[in-house]
């Protein structure tokens, strides 16, 4: 049996504005922003997750920061072991979460065969086209 591989994941909240029936809605979605392999066991991954919760700055905030600026940050340790971080800079506000995981399965991609072309219909079939 191989040694488990530990990882740290950063998921960020993204906001998209969308017009629905004449109203502008702010749609929030989570996306996987970063995956980082950690040499070591689960404890090492948890240490790295805490470091990232204290230092990571989402691109949504980073693009508005001036040199030497530091955004407001609140870091919460959740009951399930994840870190939830609330971040604010000026009027821009977002949040992200940092979690750990262990790779338990990895499968290579297998490309299947294309399905056969459907039979030709009508005049093209009769003429062999």
Protein backbone atom coordinates (compact mmCIF):
# COMPACT_ATOMS: atom_id res chain seq x y z
CA UNK A 1 0.00 0.00 0.00
CA UNK A 2 1.24 3.47 -0.85
CA UNK A 3 1.53 6.43 1.48
CA UNK A 4 -1.52 8.70 1.28
CA UNK A 5 -1.06 12.00 -0.54
CA UNK A 6 -2.25 15.07 1.35
CA UNK A 7 -3.59 18.18 -0.35
CA UNK A 8 -4.84 21.63 0.56
CA UNK A 9 -7.67 23.21 -1.42
CA UNK A 10 -8.72 26.84 -1.68
CA UNK A 11 -12.27 27.53 -2.83
CA UNK A 12 -13.22 31.11 -3.56
CA UNK A 13 -16.58 32.81 -3.81
CA UNK A 14 -17.08 34.50 -7.15
CA UNK A 15 -19.81 36.98 -8.01
CA UNK A 16 -21.39 37.43 -11.41
CA UNK A 17 -24.00 40.03 -12.23
CA UNK A 18 -26.84 38.70 -14.38
CA UNK A 19 -29.99 40.38 -15.62
CA UNK A 20 -33.16 38.34 -15.09
CA UNK A 21 -36.54 39.77 -16.05
CA UNK A 22 -35.20 43.32 -15.92
CA UNK A 23 -33.57 42.92 -12.50
CA UNK A 24 -29.85 42.66 -11.93
CA UNK A 25 -28.97 39.74 -9.68
CA UNK A 26 -25.67 39.10 -7.95
CA UNK A 27 -24.97 35.38 -8.38
CA UNK A 28 -22.45 33.79 -6.03
CA UNK A 29 -20.64 30.60 -6.96
CA UNK A 30 -17.78 28.67 -5.38
CA UNK A 31 -14.88 27.64 -7.56
CA UNK A 32 -11.70 25.70 -6.87
CA UNK A 33 -9.01 28.38 -7.04
CA UNK A 34 -5.95 26.39 -5.95
CA UNK A 35 -4.83 22.86 -5.16
CA UNK A 36 -1.54 22.31 -3.37
CA UNK A 37 0.17 18.98 -2.70
CA UNK A 38 1.70 18.75 0.77
CA UNK A 39 4.65 16.52 1.57
CA UNK A 40 3.72 14.75 4.76
CA UNK A 41 0.66 13.48 6.56
CA UNK A 42 -2.69 15.02 7.40
CA UNK A 43 -1.18 17.06 10.25
CA UNK A 44 1.24 18.70 7.79
CA UNK A 45 -1.66 19.51 5.47
CA UNK A 46 -3.60 21.09 8.33
CA UNK A 47 -0.62 23.30 9.22
CA UNK A 48 -0.34 24.41 5.58
CA UNK A 49 -4.10 25.07 5.42
CA UNK A 50 -3.85 27.36 8.45
CA UNK A 51 -0.93 29.21 6.84
CA UNK A 52 -2.92 29.74 3.63
CA UNK A 53 -6.01 30.89 5.54
CA UNK A 54 -3.79 33.57 7.09
CA UNK A 55 -1.95 34.62 3.94
CA UNK A 56 -3.96 33.90 0.76
CA UNK A 57 -5.48 36.90 -1.00
CA UNK A 58 -8.10 36.12 -3.67
CA UNK A 59 -7.56 37.72 -7.06
CA UNK A 60 -10.85 39.62 -6.63
CA UNK A 61 -9.25 41.60 -3.77
CA UNK A 62 -5.61 41.49 -4.91
CA UNK A 63 -6.29 43.35 -8.15
CA UNK A 64 -7.50 46.39 -6.18
CA UNK A 65 -4.70 46.52 -3.58
CA UNK A 66 -2.00 49.17 -3.73
CA UNK A 67 1.61 48.36 -2.85
CA UNK A 68 1.96 47.90 0.90
CA UNK A 69 -1.79 47.51 1.46
CA UNK A 70 -3.26 44.72 3.53
CA UNK A 71 -6.96 43.85 3.42
CA UNK A 72 -9.16 43.23 6.44
CA UNK A 73 -9.23 39.50 7.27
CA UNK A 74 -11.29 37.39 9.68
CA UNK A 75 -10.28 33.73 9.91
CA UNK A 76 -12.69 31.16 11.34
CA UNK A 77 -11.94 27.52 12.17
CA UNK A 78 -15.14 25.60 11.36
CA UNK A 79 -16.34 22.48 13.22
CA UNK A 80 -15.55 20.26 10.21
CA UNK A 81 -11.89 21.38 10.22
CA UNK A 82 -12.09 23.81 7.30
CA UNK A 83 -11.06 27.45 7.51
CA UNK A 84 -13.50 30.15 6.43
CA UNK A 85 -11.96 33.52 5.70
CA UNK A 86 -13.83 36.80 5.27
CA UNK A 87 -11.85 39.48 3.47
CA UNK A 88 -12.55 43.12 2.74
CA UNK A 89 -10.68 45.96 1.08
CA UNK A 90 -12.51 49.26 0.68
CA UNK A 91 -15.95 48.42 -0.68
CA UNK A 92 -14.83 45.06 -2.10
CA UNK A 93 -15.69 42.06 0.04
CA UNK A 94 -15.36 38.32 -0.52
CA UNK A 95 -14.78 35.09 1.33
CA UNK A 96 -12.95 31.85 0.72
CA UNK A 97 -12.43 28.53 2.44
CA UNK A 98 -9.39 26.36 2.89
CA UNK A 99 -9.71 22.62 3.42
CA UNK A 100 -7.53 19.54 3.45
CA UNK A 101 -8.00 16.25 1.69
CA UNK A 102 -6.33 12.95 1.01
CA UNK A 103 -6.01 11.49 -2.47
CA UNK A 104 -7.70 8.07 -2.35
CA UNK A 105 -8.13 7.27 -6.05
CA UNK A 106 -6.63 8.43 -9.32
CA UNK A 107 -7.63 6.97 -12.67
CA UNK A 108 -6.15 7.68 -16.08
CA UNK A 109 -8.50 8.94 -18.77
CA UNK A 110 -9.65 6.32 -21.26
CA UNK A 111 -10.94 7.60 -24.56
CA UNK A 112 -13.64 5.44 -26.08
CA UNK A 113 -14.46 4.98 -29.73
CA UNK A 114 -16.65 7.40 -31.62
CA UNK A 115 -20.09 5.98 -32.29
CA UNK A 116 -20.73 4.87 -35.87
CA UNK A 117 -22.14 7.49 -38.21
CA UNK A 118 -25.92 7.30 -38.54
CA UNK A 119 -27.18 5.75 -41.77
CA UNK A 120 -27.73 8.20 -44.57
CA UNK A 121 -31.27 9.02 -45.50
CA UNK A 122 -33.08 9.75 -48.70
CA UNK A 123 -31.46 10.56 -52.03
CA UNK A 124 -27.89 10.77 -50.64
CA UNK A 125 -28.12 7.11 -49.54
CA UNK A 126 -29.28 6.00 -52.99
CA UNK A 127 -26.50 7.94 -54.73
CA UNK A 128 -23.83 6.80 -52.25
CA UNK A 129 -23.08 10.25 -50.89
